[in-house]
């Protein structure tokens, strides 16, 4: 079974977060996604420190589907440089990981 990943991105509205999540799940690039927010983000951007309200999207996928998911998020996102970070799933229940792999397989 291919290793599982949790992929994170952020955006500036709940509606945009849902579109990113739904698009990835519909395309079978992620088995599921959770949206959390609002959160406060503090970051460097164009020689200034910015603070903004954002929504986090946590997408569950496999290592095999990561490149396609990253491409999808980059294309669908309206940020110039969107956050797309993948974290390995170190352990998980066998049933959940099998479901994740099945839902993200190319059909």
PDB file of N, CA and C in Angstrom:
ATOM      1  N   UNK A   1       0.849  -1.176   0.000  1.00  0.00           N
ATOM      2  CA  UNK A   1       0.000   0.000   0.000  1.00  0.00           C
ATOM      3  C   UNK A   1       0.895   1.241   0.000  1.00  0.00           C
ATOM      4  N   UNK A   2       0.552   2.224  -0.817  1.00  0.00           N
ATOM      5  CA  UNK A   2       1.324   3.456  -0.917  1.00  0.00           C
ATOM      6  C   UNK A   2       1.188   4.274   0.371  1.00  0.00           C
ATOM      7  N   UNK A   3       2.247   4.942   0.799  1.00  0.00           N
ATOM      8  CA  UNK A   3       2.171   5.740   2.030  1.00  0.00           C
ATOM      9  C   UNK A   3       1.121   6.849   1.941  1.00  0.00           C
ATOM     10  N   UNK A   4       0.490   7.121   3.065  1.00  0.00           N
ATOM     11  CA  UNK A   4      -0.534   8.164   3.141  1.00  0.00           C
ATOM     12  C   UNK A   4       0.095   9.491   3.539  1.00  0.00           C
ATOM     13  N   UNK A   5      -0.551  10.575   3.106  1.00  0.00           N
ATOM     14  CA  UNK A   5      -0.100  11.932   3.413  1.00  0.00           C
ATOM     15  C   UNK A   5      -1.281  12.776   3.863  1.00  0.00           C
ATOM     16  N   UNK A   6      -1.010  13.753   4.706  1.00  0.00           N
ATOM     17  CA  UNK A   6      -1.942  14.838   4.965  1.00  0.00           C
ATOM     18  C   UNK A   6      -1.340  16.068   4.320  1.00  0.00           C
ATOM     19  N   UNK A   7      -2.087  16.697   3.429  1.00  0.00           N
ATOM     20  CA  UNK A   7      -1.614  17.870   2.700  1.00  0.00           C
ATOM     21  C   UNK A   7      -2.375  19.083   3.221  1.00  0.00           C
ATOM     22  N   UNK A   8      -1.647  20.139   3.538  1.00  0.00           N
ATOM     23  CA  UNK A   8      -2.243  21.354   4.077  1.00  0.00           C
ATOM     24  C   UNK A   8      -2.146  22.492   3.080  1.00  0.00           C
ATOM     25  N   UNK A   9      -3.207  23.294   3.052  1.00  0.00           N
ATOM     26  CA  UNK A   9      -3.192  24.558   2.338  1.00  0.00           C
ATOM     27  C   UNK A   9      -4.060  25.527   3.118  1.00  0.00           C
ATOM     28  N   UNK A  10      -3.956  26.805   2.807  1.00  0.00           N
ATOM     29  CA  UNK A  10      -4.786  27.824   3.443  1.00  0.00           C
ATOM     30  C   UNK A  10      -5.343  28.741   2.365  1.00  0.00           C
ATOM     31  N   UNK A  11      -6.453  29.402   2.698  1.00  0.00           N
ATOM     32  CA  UNK A  11      -7.039  30.390   1.806  1.00  0.00           C
ATOM     33  C   UNK A  11      -7.787  31.410   2.650  1.00  0.00           C
ATOM     34  N   UNK A  12      -8.251  32.481   2.021  1.00  0.00           N
ATOM     35  CA  UNK A  12      -8.787  33.604   2.788  1.00  0.00           C
ATOM     36  C   UNK A  12     -10.302  33.621   2.977  1.00  0.00           C
ATOM     37  N   UNK A  13     -10.997  32.533   2.646  1.00  0.00           N
ATOM     38  CA  UNK A  13     -12.429  32.488   2.934  1.00  0.00           C
ATOM     39  C   UNK A  13     -12.887  31.038   3.059  1.00  0.00           C
ATOM     40  N   UNK A  14     -13.966  30.860   3.801  1.00  0.00           N
ATOM     41  CA  UNK A  14     -14.538  29.522   3.965  1.00  0.00           C
ATOM     42  C   UNK A  14     -15.029  28.978   2.629  1.00  0.00           C
ATOM     43  N   UNK A  15     -15.583  29.841   1.794  1.00  0.00           N
ATOM     44  CA  UNK A  15     -16.095  29.404   0.486  1.00  0.00           C
ATOM     45  C   UNK A  15     -14.964  28.899  -0.409  1.00  0.00           C
ATOM     46  N   UNK A  16     -13.851  29.624  -0.422  1.00  0.00           N
ATOM     47  CA  UNK A  16     -12.701  29.189  -1.233  1.00  0.00           C
ATOM     48  C   UNK A  16     -12.128  27.884  -0.694  1.00  0.00           C
ATOM     49  N   UNK A  17     -12.091  27.745   0.625  1.00  0.00           N
ATOM     50  CA  UNK A  17     -11.595  26.509   1.225  1.00  0.00           C
ATOM     51  C   UNK A  17     -12.470  25.332   0.805  1.00  0.00           C
ATOM     52  N   UNK A  18     -13.786  25.525   0.818  1.00  0.00           N
ATOM     53  CA  UNK A  18     -14.676  24.438   0.414  1.00  0.00           C
ATOM     54  C   UNK A  18     -14.503  24.098  -1.066  1.00  0.00           C
ATOM     55  N   UNK A  19     -14.303  25.100  -1.906  1.00  0.00           N
ATOM     56  CA  UNK A  19     -14.078  24.820  -3.339  1.00  0.00           C
ATOM     57  C   UNK A  19     -12.795  24.021  -3.537  1.00  0.00           C
ATOM     58  N   UNK A  20     -11.720  24.403  -2.839  1.00  0.00           N
ATOM     59  CA  UNK A  20     -10.464  23.653  -2.962  1.00  0.00           C
ATOM     60  C   UNK A  20     -10.653  22.213  -2.485  1.00  0.00           C
ATOM     61  N   UNK A  21     -11.314  22.035  -1.348  1.00  0.00           N
ATOM     62  CA  UNK A  21     -11.541  20.699  -0.796  1.00  0.00           C
ATOM     63  C   UNK A  21     -12.418  19.865  -1.725  1.00  0.00           C
ATOM     64  N   UNK A  22     -13.540  20.421  -2.141  1.00  0.00           N
ATOM     65  CA  UNK A  22     -14.482  19.685  -2.992  1.00  0.00           C
ATOM     66  C   UNK A  22     -13.850  19.322  -4.329  1.00  0.00           C
ATOM     67  N   UNK A  23     -13.105  20.233  -4.926  1.00  0.00           N
ATOM     68  CA  UNK A  23     -12.470  19.956  -6.214  1.00  0.00           C
ATOM     69  C   UNK A  23     -11.477  18.814  -6.119  1.00  0.00           C
ATOM     70  N   UNK A  24     -10.699  18.793  -5.046  1.00  0.00           N
ATOM     71  CA  UNK A  24      -9.708  17.720  -4.871  1.00  0.00           C
ATOM     72  C   UNK A  24     -10.382  16.382  -4.630  1.00  0.00           C
ATOM     73  N   UNK A  25     -11.447  16.373  -3.838  1.00  0.00           N
ATOM     74  CA  UNK A  25     -12.156  15.113  -3.559  1.00  0.00           C
ATOM     75  C   UNK A  25     -12.887  14.629  -4.809  1.00  0.00           C
ATOM     76  N   UNK A  26     -13.554  15.534  -5.518  1.00  0.00           N
ATOM     77  CA  UNK A  26     -14.256  15.133  -6.742  1.00  0.00           C
ATOM     78  C   UNK A  26     -13.305  14.552  -7.778  1.00  0.00           C
ATOM     79  N   UNK A  27     -12.091  15.081  -7.858  1.00  0.00           N
ATOM     80  CA  UNK A  27     -11.088  14.596  -8.817  1.00  0.00           C
ATOM     81  C   UNK A  27     -10.351  13.355  -8.307  1.00  0.00           C
ATOM     82  N   UNK A  28     -10.722  12.867  -7.117  1.00  0.00           N
ATOM     83  CA  UNK A  28     -10.096  11.713  -6.475  1.00  0.00           C
ATOM     84  C   UNK A  28      -8.605  11.922  -6.214  1.00  0.00           C
ATOM     85  N   UNK A  29      -8.228  13.188  -6.007  1.00  0.00           N
ATOM     86  CA  UNK A  29      -6.860  13.509  -5.626  1.00  0.00           C
ATOM     87  C   UNK A  29      -6.705  13.448  -4.117  1.00  0.00           C
ATOM     88  N   UNK A  30      -7.815  13.520  -3.415  1.00  0.00           N
ATOM     89  CA  UNK A  30      -7.868  13.359  -1.958  1.00  0.00           C
ATOM     90  C   UNK A  30      -9.101  12.530  -1.636  1.00  0.00           C
ATOM     91  N   UNK A  31      -8.992  11.690  -0.622  1.00  0.00           N
ATOM     92  CA  UNK A  31     -10.132  10.879  -0.207  1.00  0.00           C
ATOM     93  C   UNK A  31     -11.122  11.716   0.590  1.00  0.00           C
ATOM     94  N   UNK A  32     -10.605  12.668   1.347  1.00  0.00           N
ATOM     95  CA  UNK A  32     -11.445  13.550   2.137  1.00  0.00           C
ATOM     96  C   UNK A  32     -10.650  14.796   2.486  1.00  0.00           C
ATOM     97  N   UNK A  33     -11.362  15.787   2.997  1.00  0.00           N
ATOM     98  CA  UNK A  33     -10.719  17.026   3.417  1.00  0.00           C
ATOM     99  C   UNK A  33     -11.496  17.606   4.588  1.00  0.00           C
ATOM    100  N   UNK A  34     -10.774  18.190   5.503  1.00  0.00           N
ATOM    101  CA  UNK A  34     -11.391  18.925   6.598  1.00  0.00           C
ATOM    102  C   UNK A  34     -10.985  20.384   6.480  1.00  0.00           C
ATOM    103  N   UNK A  35     -11.923  21.255   6.836  1.00  0.00           N
ATOM    104  CA  UNK A  35     -11.690  22.691   6.804  1.00  0.00           C
ATOM    105  C   UNK A  35     -11.773  23.206   8.234  1.00  0.00           C
ATOM    106  N   UNK A  36     -10.784  23.978   8.606  1.00  0.00           N
ATOM    107  CA  UNK A  36     -10.724  24.535   9.953  1.00  0.00           C
ATOM    108  C   UNK A  36     -10.503  26.030   9.845  1.00  0.00           C
ATOM    109  N   UNK A  37     -11.215  26.783  10.659  1.00  0.00           N
ATOM    110  CA  UNK A  37     -10.968  28.207  10.644  1.00  0.00           C
ATOM    111  C   UNK A  37     -12.113  28.985  11.247  1.00  0.00           C
ATOM    112  N   UNK A  38     -11.965  30.248  11.325  1.00  0.00           N
ATOM    113  CA  UNK A  38     -10.783  30.963  10.863  1.00  0.00           C
ATOM    114  C   UNK A  38      -9.603  30.806  11.819  1.00  0.00           C
ATOM    115  N   UNK A  39      -8.416  30.928  11.245  1.00  0.00           N
ATOM    116  CA  UNK A  39      -7.168  30.954  12.005  1.00  0.00           C
ATOM    117  C   UNK A  39      -6.473  32.268  11.661  1.00  0.00           C
ATOM    118  N   UNK A  40      -5.619  32.704  12.534  1.00  0.00           N
ATOM    119  CA  UNK A  40      -4.833  33.904  12.276  1.00  0.00           C
ATOM    120  C   UNK A  40      -3.458  33.486  11.789  1.00  0.00           C
ATOM    121  N   UNK A  41      -3.074  33.969  10.629  1.00  0.00           N
ATOM    122  CA  UNK A  41      -1.759  33.678  10.059  1.00  0.00           C
ATOM    123  C   UNK A  41      -0.895  34.933  10.122  1.00  0.00           C
ATOM    124  N   UNK A  42       0.351  34.757  10.525  1.00  0.00           N
ATOM    125  CA  UNK A  42       1.328  35.843  10.566  1.00  0.00           C
ATOM    126  C   UNK A  42       2.508  35.382   9.712  1.00  0.00           C
ATOM    127  N   UNK A  43       2.901  36.189   8.723  1.00  0.00           N
ATOM    128  CA  UNK A  43       3.914  35.735   7.774  1.00  0.00           C
ATOM    129  C   UNK A  43       4.612  36.909   7.106  1.00  0.00           C
ATOM    130  N   UNK A  44       5.805  36.638   6.556  1.00  0.00           N
ATOM    131  CA  UNK A  44       6.530  37.618   5.738  1.00  0.00           C
ATOM    132  C   UNK A  44       5.946  37.582   4.336  1.00  0.00           C
ATOM    133  N   UNK A  45       5.699  38.732   3.754  1.00  0.00           N
ATOM    134  CA  UNK A  45       5.274  38.819   2.361  1.00  0.00           C
ATOM    135  C   UNK A  45       5.684  40.172   1.817  1.00  0.00           C
ATOM    136  N   UNK A  46       6.484  40.163   0.772  1.00  0.00           N
ATOM    137  CA  UNK A  46       6.932  41.368   0.084  1.00  0.00           C
ATOM    138  C   UNK A  46       7.517  42.396   1.055  1.00  0.00           C
ATOM    139  N   UNK A  47       8.498  41.928   1.815  1.00  0.00           N
ATOM    140  CA  UNK A  47       9.263  42.769   2.739  1.00  0.00           C
ATOM    141  C   UNK A  47       8.437  43.373   3.874  1.00  0.00           C
ATOM    142  N   UNK A  48       7.323  42.732   4.212  1.00  0.00           N
ATOM    143  CA  UNK A  48       6.509  43.198   5.335  1.00  0.00           C
ATOM    144  C   UNK A  48       6.008  41.994   6.115  1.00  0.00           C
ATOM    145  N   UNK A  49       5.644  42.241   7.347  1.00  0.00           N
ATOM    146  CA  UNK A  49       5.002  41.190   8.129  1.00  0.00           C
ATOM    147  C   UNK A  49       3.500  41.418   8.041  1.00  0.00           C
ATOM    148  N   UNK A  50       2.806  40.399   7.576  1.00  0.00           N
ATOM    149  CA  UNK A  50       1.359  40.460   7.366  1.00  0.00           C
ATOM    150  C   UNK A  50       0.645  39.611   8.420  1.00  0.00           C
ATOM    151  N   UNK A  51      -0.572  39.995   8.729  1.00  0.00           N
ATOM    152  CA  UNK A  51      -1.463  39.210   9.572  1.00  0.00           C
ATOM    153  C   UNK A  51      -2.793  39.118   8.843  1.00  0.00           C
ATOM    154  N   UNK A  52      -3.313  37.900   8.716  1.00  0.00           N
ATOM    155  CA  UNK A  52      -4.585  37.741   8.012  1.00  0.00           C
ATOM    156  C   UNK A  52      -5.389  36.591   8.601  1.00  0.00           C
ATOM    157  N   UNK A  53      -6.672  36.632   8.324  1.00  0.00           N
ATOM    158  CA  UNK A  53      -7.575  35.557   8.716  1.00  0.00           C
ATOM    159  C   UNK A  53      -7.641  34.568   7.560  1.00  0.00           C
ATOM    160  N   UNK A  54      -7.425  33.286   7.874  1.00  0.00           N
ATOM    161  CA  UNK A  54      -7.433  32.262   6.829  1.00  0.00           C
ATOM    162  C   UNK A  54      -8.174  31.025   7.309  1.00  0.00           C
ATOM    163  N   UNK A  55      -8.476  30.154   6.366  1.00  0.00           N
ATOM    164  CA  UNK A  55      -9.061  28.845   6.633  1.00  0.00           C
ATOM    165  C   UNK A  55      -8.062  27.798   6.181  1.00  0.00           C
ATOM    166  N   UNK A  56      -7.853  26.794   7.013  1.00  0.00           N
ATOM    167  CA  UNK A  56      -6.941  25.703   6.679  1.00  0.00           C
ATOM    168  C   UNK A  56      -7.730  24.558   6.060  1.00  0.00           C
ATOM    169  N   UNK A  57      -7.140  23.947   5.067  1.00  0.00           N
ATOM    170  CA  UNK A  57      -7.718  22.762   4.447  1.00  0.00           C
ATOM    171  C   UNK A  57      -6.716  21.625   4.633  1.00  0.00           C
ATOM    172  N   UNK A  58      -7.170  20.535   5.240  1.00  0.00           N
ATOM    173  CA  UNK A  58      -6.363  19.338   5.471  1.00  0.00           C
ATOM    174  C   UNK A  58      -6.890  18.258   4.537  1.00  0.00           C
ATOM    175  N   UNK A  59      -6.089  17.852   3.577  1.00  0.00           N
ATOM    176  CA  UNK A  59      -6.498  16.872   2.571  1.00  0.00           C
ATOM    177  C   UNK A  59      -5.777  15.559   2.817  1.00  0.00           C
ATOM    178  N   UNK A  60      -6.499  14.439   2.764  1.00  0.00           N
ATOM    179  CA  UNK A  60      -5.913  13.113   2.967  1.00  0.00           C
ATOM    180  C   UNK A  60      -5.729  12.455   1.606  1.00  0.00           C
ATOM    181  N   UNK A  61      -4.487  12.066   1.315  1.00  0.00           N
ATOM    182  CA  UNK A  61      -4.179  11.484   0.019  1.00  0.00           C
ATOM    183  C   UNK A  61      -3.075  10.454   0.174  1.00  0.00           C
ATOM    184  N   UNK A  62      -2.587   9.968  -0.960  1.00  0.00           N
ATOM    185  CA  UNK A  62      -1.469   9.024  -0.963  1.00  0.00           C
ATOM    186  C   UNK A  62      -0.272   9.683  -1.637  1.00  0.00           C
ATOM    187  N   UNK A  63       0.879   9.123  -1.368  1.00  0.00           N
ATOM    188  CA  UNK A  63       2.092   9.644  -1.990  1.00  0.00           C
ATOM    189  C   UNK A  63       1.993   9.558  -3.518  1.00  0.00           C
ATOM    190  N   UNK A  64       1.353   8.517  -4.029  1.00  0.00           N
ATOM    191  CA  UNK A  64       1.193   8.365  -5.480  1.00  0.00           C
ATOM    192  C   UNK A  64       0.393   9.510  -6.097  1.00  0.00           C
ATOM    193  N   UNK A  65      -0.534  10.101  -5.356  1.00  0.00           N
ATOM    194  CA  UNK A  65      -1.407  11.151  -5.892  1.00  0.00           C
ATOM    195  C   UNK A  65      -0.934  12.564  -5.548  1.00  0.00           C
ATOM    196  N   UNK A  66       0.168  12.664  -4.778  1.00  0.00           N
ATOM    197  CA  UNK A  66       0.599  13.983  -4.315  1.00  0.00           C
ATOM    198  C   UNK A  66       0.878  14.955  -5.463  1.00  0.00           C
ATOM    199  N   UNK A  67       1.652  14.556  -6.448  1.00  0.00           N
ATOM    200  CA  UNK A  67       2.011  15.493  -7.527  1.00  0.00           C
ATOM    201  C   UNK A  67       0.778  16.051  -8.220  1.00  0.00           C
ATOM    202  N   UNK A  68      -0.193  15.189  -8.490  1.00  0.00           N
ATOM    203  CA  UNK A  68      -1.423  15.649  -9.144  1.00  0.00           C
ATOM    204  C   UNK A  68      -2.218  16.563  -8.217  1.00  0.00           C
ATOM    205  N   UNK A  69      -2.252  16.249  -6.915  1.00  0.00           N
ATOM    206  CA  UNK A  69      -2.960  17.110  -5.964  1.00  0.00           C
ATOM    207  C   UNK A  69      -2.278  18.466  -5.865  1.00  0.00           C
ATOM    208  N   UNK A  70      -0.951  18.482  -5.778  1.00  0.00           N
ATOM    209  CA  UNK A  70      -0.233  19.759  -5.721  1.00  0.00           C
ATOM    210  C   UNK A  70      -0.524  20.599  -6.965  1.00  0.00           C
ATOM    211  N   UNK A  71      -0.489  19.983  -8.130  1.00  0.00           N
ATOM    212  CA  UNK A  71      -0.774  20.702  -9.376  1.00  0.00           C
ATOM    213  C   UNK A  71      -2.203  21.256  -9.357  1.00  0.00           C
ATOM    214  N   UNK A  72      -3.141  20.449  -8.897  1.00  0.00           N
ATOM    215  CA  UNK A  72      -4.543  20.888  -8.817  1.00  0.00           C
ATOM    216  C   UNK A  72      -4.687  22.081  -7.876  1.00  0.00           C
ATOM    217  N   UNK A  73      -4.100  21.994  -6.677  1.00  0.00           N
ATOM    218  CA  UNK A  73      -4.215  23.082  -5.709  1.00  0.00           C
ATOM    219  C   UNK A  73      -3.559  24.352  -6.235  1.00  0.00           C
ATOM    220  N   UNK A  74      -2.410  24.227  -6.856  1.00  0.00           N
ATOM    221  CA  UNK A  74      -1.707  25.391  -7.395  1.00  0.00           C
ATOM    222  C   UNK A  74      -2.530  26.053  -8.499  1.00  0.00           C
ATOM    223  N   UNK A  75      -3.145  25.248  -9.337  1.00  0.00           N
ATOM    224  CA  UNK A  75      -3.970  25.773 -10.437  1.00  0.00           C
ATOM    225  C   UNK A  75      -5.261  26.404  -9.919  1.00  0.00           C
ATOM    226  N   UNK A  76      -5.903  25.769  -8.954  1.00  0.00           N
ATOM    227  CA  UNK A  76      -7.201  26.228  -8.465  1.00  0.00           C
ATOM    228  C   UNK A  76      -7.102  27.379  -7.469  1.00  0.00           C
ATOM    229  N   UNK A  77      -5.938  27.575  -6.907  1.00  0.00           N
ATOM    230  CA  UNK A  77      -5.754  28.564  -5.840  1.00  0.00           C
ATOM    231  C   UNK A  77      -5.597  29.958  -6.413  1.00  0.00           C
ATOM    232  N   UNK A  78      -6.093  30.968  -5.690  1.00  0.00           N
ATOM    233  CA  UNK A  78      -5.924  32.341  -6.170  1.00  0.00           C
ATOM    234  C   UNK A  78      -4.741  33.063  -5.513  1.00  0.00           C
ATOM    235  N   UNK A  79      -4.022  32.393  -4.606  1.00  0.00           N
ATOM    236  CA  UNK A  79      -2.817  32.994  -4.030  1.00  0.00           C
ATOM    237  C   UNK A  79      -1.670  32.890  -5.038  1.00  0.00           C
ATOM    238  N   UNK A  80      -0.812  33.893  -5.047  1.00  0.00           N
ATOM    239  CA  UNK A  80       0.359  33.872  -5.922  1.00  0.00           C
ATOM    240  C   UNK A  80       1.293  32.717  -5.550  1.00  0.00           C
ATOM    241  N   UNK A  81       1.474  32.502  -4.265  1.00  0.00           N
ATOM    242  CA  UNK A  81       2.323  31.422  -3.761  1.00  0.00           C
ATOM    243  C   UNK A  81       1.553  30.677  -2.673  1.00  0.00           C
ATOM    244  N   UNK A  82       0.671  29.761  -3.056  1.00  0.00           N
ATOM    245  CA  UNK A  82      -0.125  29.074  -2.033  1.00  0.00           C
ATOM    246  C   UNK A  82       0.712  28.111  -1.198  1.00  0.00           C
ATOM    247  N   UNK A  83       0.318  27.981   0.055  1.00  0.00           N
ATOM    248  CA  UNK A  83       0.913  26.964   0.917  1.00  0.00           C
ATOM    249  C   UNK A  83       0.410  25.599   0.447  1.00  0.00           C
ATOM    250  N   UNK A  84       1.334  24.720   0.161  1.00  0.00           N
ATOM    251  CA  UNK A  84       1.013  23.311  -0.110  1.00  0.00           C
ATOM    252  C   UNK A  84       2.114  22.518   0.575  1.00  0.00           C
ATOM    253  N   UNK A  85       1.765  21.904   1.702  1.00  0.00           N
ATOM    254  CA  UNK A  85       2.733  21.175   2.515  1.00  0.00           C
ATOM    255  C   UNK A  85       2.190  19.771   2.754  1.00  0.00           C
ATOM    256  N   UNK A  86       3.032  18.776   2.558  1.00  0.00           N
ATOM    257  CA  UNK A  86       2.635  17.384   2.787  1.00  0.00           C
ATOM    258  C   UNK A  86       3.336  16.839   4.017  1.00  0.00           C
ATOM    259  N   UNK A  87       2.555  16.220   4.874  1.00  0.00           N
ATOM    260  CA  UNK A  87       3.080  15.576   6.073  1.00  0.00           C
ATOM    261  C   UNK A  87       2.801  14.084   5.980  1.00  0.00           C
ATOM    262  N   UNK A  88       3.788  13.249   6.272  1.00  0.00           N
ATOM    263  CA  UNK A  88       3.555  11.804   6.198  1.00  0.00           C
ATOM    264  C   UNK A  88       2.641  11.338   7.336  1.00  0.00           C
ATOM    265  N   UNK A  89       1.788  10.394   7.018  1.00  0.00           N
ATOM    266  CA  UNK A  89       0.996   9.718   8.041  1.00  0.00           C
ATOM    267  C   UNK A  89       1.853   8.558   8.521  1.00  0.00           C
ATOM    268  N   UNK A  90       2.308   8.643   9.748  1.00  0.00           N
ATOM    269  CA  UNK A  90       3.238   7.651  10.274  1.00  0.00           C
ATOM    270  C   UNK A  90       2.525   6.337  10.576  1.00  0.00           C
ATOM    271  N   UNK A  91       1.311   6.439  11.097  1.00  0.00           N
ATOM    272  CA  UNK A  91       0.524   5.242  11.395  1.00  0.00           C
ATOM    273  C   UNK A  91      -0.943   5.577  11.216  1.00  0.00           C
ATOM    274  N   UNK A  92      -1.744   4.550  11.002  1.00  0.00           N
ATOM    275  CA  UNK A  92      -3.188   4.724  10.884  1.00  0.00           C
ATOM    276  C   UNK A  92      -3.854   3.372  10.888  1.00  0.00           C
ATOM    277  N   UNK A  93      -5.159   3.374  11.109  1.00  0.00           N
ATOM    278  CA  UNK A  93      -5.865   2.091  11.117  1.00  0.00           C
ATOM    279  C   UNK A  93      -5.851   1.498   9.710  1.00  0.00           C
ATOM    280  N   UNK A  94      -5.717   0.198   9.650  1.00  0.00           N
ATOM    281  CA  UNK A  94      -5.627  -0.495   8.353  1.00  0.00           C
ATOM    282  C   UNK A  94      -6.854  -0.223   7.500  1.00  0.00           C
ATOM    283  N   UNK A  95      -8.023  -0.243   8.115  1.00  0.00           N
ATOM    284  CA  UNK A  95      -9.250  -0.008   7.357  1.00  0.00           C
ATOM    285  C   UNK A  95      -9.309   1.385   6.763  1.00  0.00           C
ATOM    286  N   UNK A  96      -8.943   2.394   7.549  1.00  0.00           N
ATOM    287  CA  UNK A  96      -8.965   3.771   7.054  1.00  0.00           C
ATOM    288  C   UNK A  96      -7.954   3.961   5.931  1.00  0.00           C
ATOM    289  N   UNK A  97      -6.754   3.447   6.115  1.00  0.00           N
ATOM    290  CA  UNK A  97      -5.724   3.610   5.085  1.00  0.00           C
ATOM    291  C   UNK A  97      -6.089   2.886   3.795  1.00  0.00           C
ATOM    292  N   UNK A  98      -6.746   1.726   3.905  1.00  0.00           N
ATOM    293  CA  UNK A  98      -7.217   1.018   2.707  1.00  0.00           C
ATOM    294  C   UNK A  98      -8.296   1.833   2.007  1.00  0.00           C
ATOM    295  N   UNK A  99      -9.211   2.420   2.788  1.00  0.00           N
ATOM    296  CA  UNK A  99     -10.266   3.264   2.210  1.00  0.00           C
ATOM    297  C   UNK A  99      -9.648   4.458   1.494  1.00  0.00           C
ATOM    298  N   UNK A 100      -8.684   5.121   2.140  1.00  0.00           N
ATOM    299  CA  UNK A 100      -8.006   6.270   1.555  1.00  0.00           C
ATOM    300  C   UNK A 100      -7.365   5.896   0.217  1.00  0.00           C
ATOM    301  N   UNK A 101      -6.647   4.784   0.192  1.00  0.00           N
ATOM    302  CA  UNK A 101      -6.000   4.347  -1.044  1.00  0.00           C
ATOM    303  C   UNK A 101      -7.024   4.051  -2.128  1.00  0.00           C
ATOM    304  N   UNK A 102      -8.115   3.406  -1.752  1.00  0.00           N
ATOM    305  CA  UNK A 102      -9.149   3.088  -2.736  1.00  0.00           C
ATOM    306  C   UNK A 102      -9.834   4.309  -3.315  1.00  0.00           C
ATOM    307  N   UNK A 103     -10.094   5.298  -2.467  1.00  0.00           N
ATOM    308  CA  UNK A 103     -10.790   6.505  -2.923  1.00  0.00           C
ATOM    309  C   UNK A 103      -9.918   7.417  -3.772  1.00  0.00           C
ATOM    310  N   UNK A 104      -8.609   7.277  -3.678  1.00  0.00           N
ATOM    311  CA  UNK A 104      -7.718   8.143  -4.460  1.00  0.00           C
ATOM    312  C   UNK A 104      -7.102   7.407  -5.641  1.00  0.00           C
ATOM    313  N   UNK A 105      -7.493   6.157  -5.863  1.00  0.00           N
ATOM    314  CA  UNK A 105      -6.936   5.425  -7.003  1.00  0.00           C
ATOM    315  C   UNK A 105      -7.516   5.978  -8.300  1.00  0.00           C
ATOM    316  N   UNK A 106      -6.685   5.987  -9.328  1.00  0.00           N
ATOM    317  CA  UNK A 106      -7.149   6.435 -10.646  1.00  0.00           C
ATOM    318  C   UNK A 106      -8.078   5.375 -11.201  1.00  0.00           C
ATOM    319  N   UNK A 107      -9.217   5.811 -11.674  1.00  0.00           N
ATOM    320  CA  UNK A 107     -10.226   4.861 -12.173  1.00  0.00           C
ATOM    321  C   UNK A 107     -10.384   4.949 -13.651  1.00  0.00           C
TER     322      UNK A 107
END
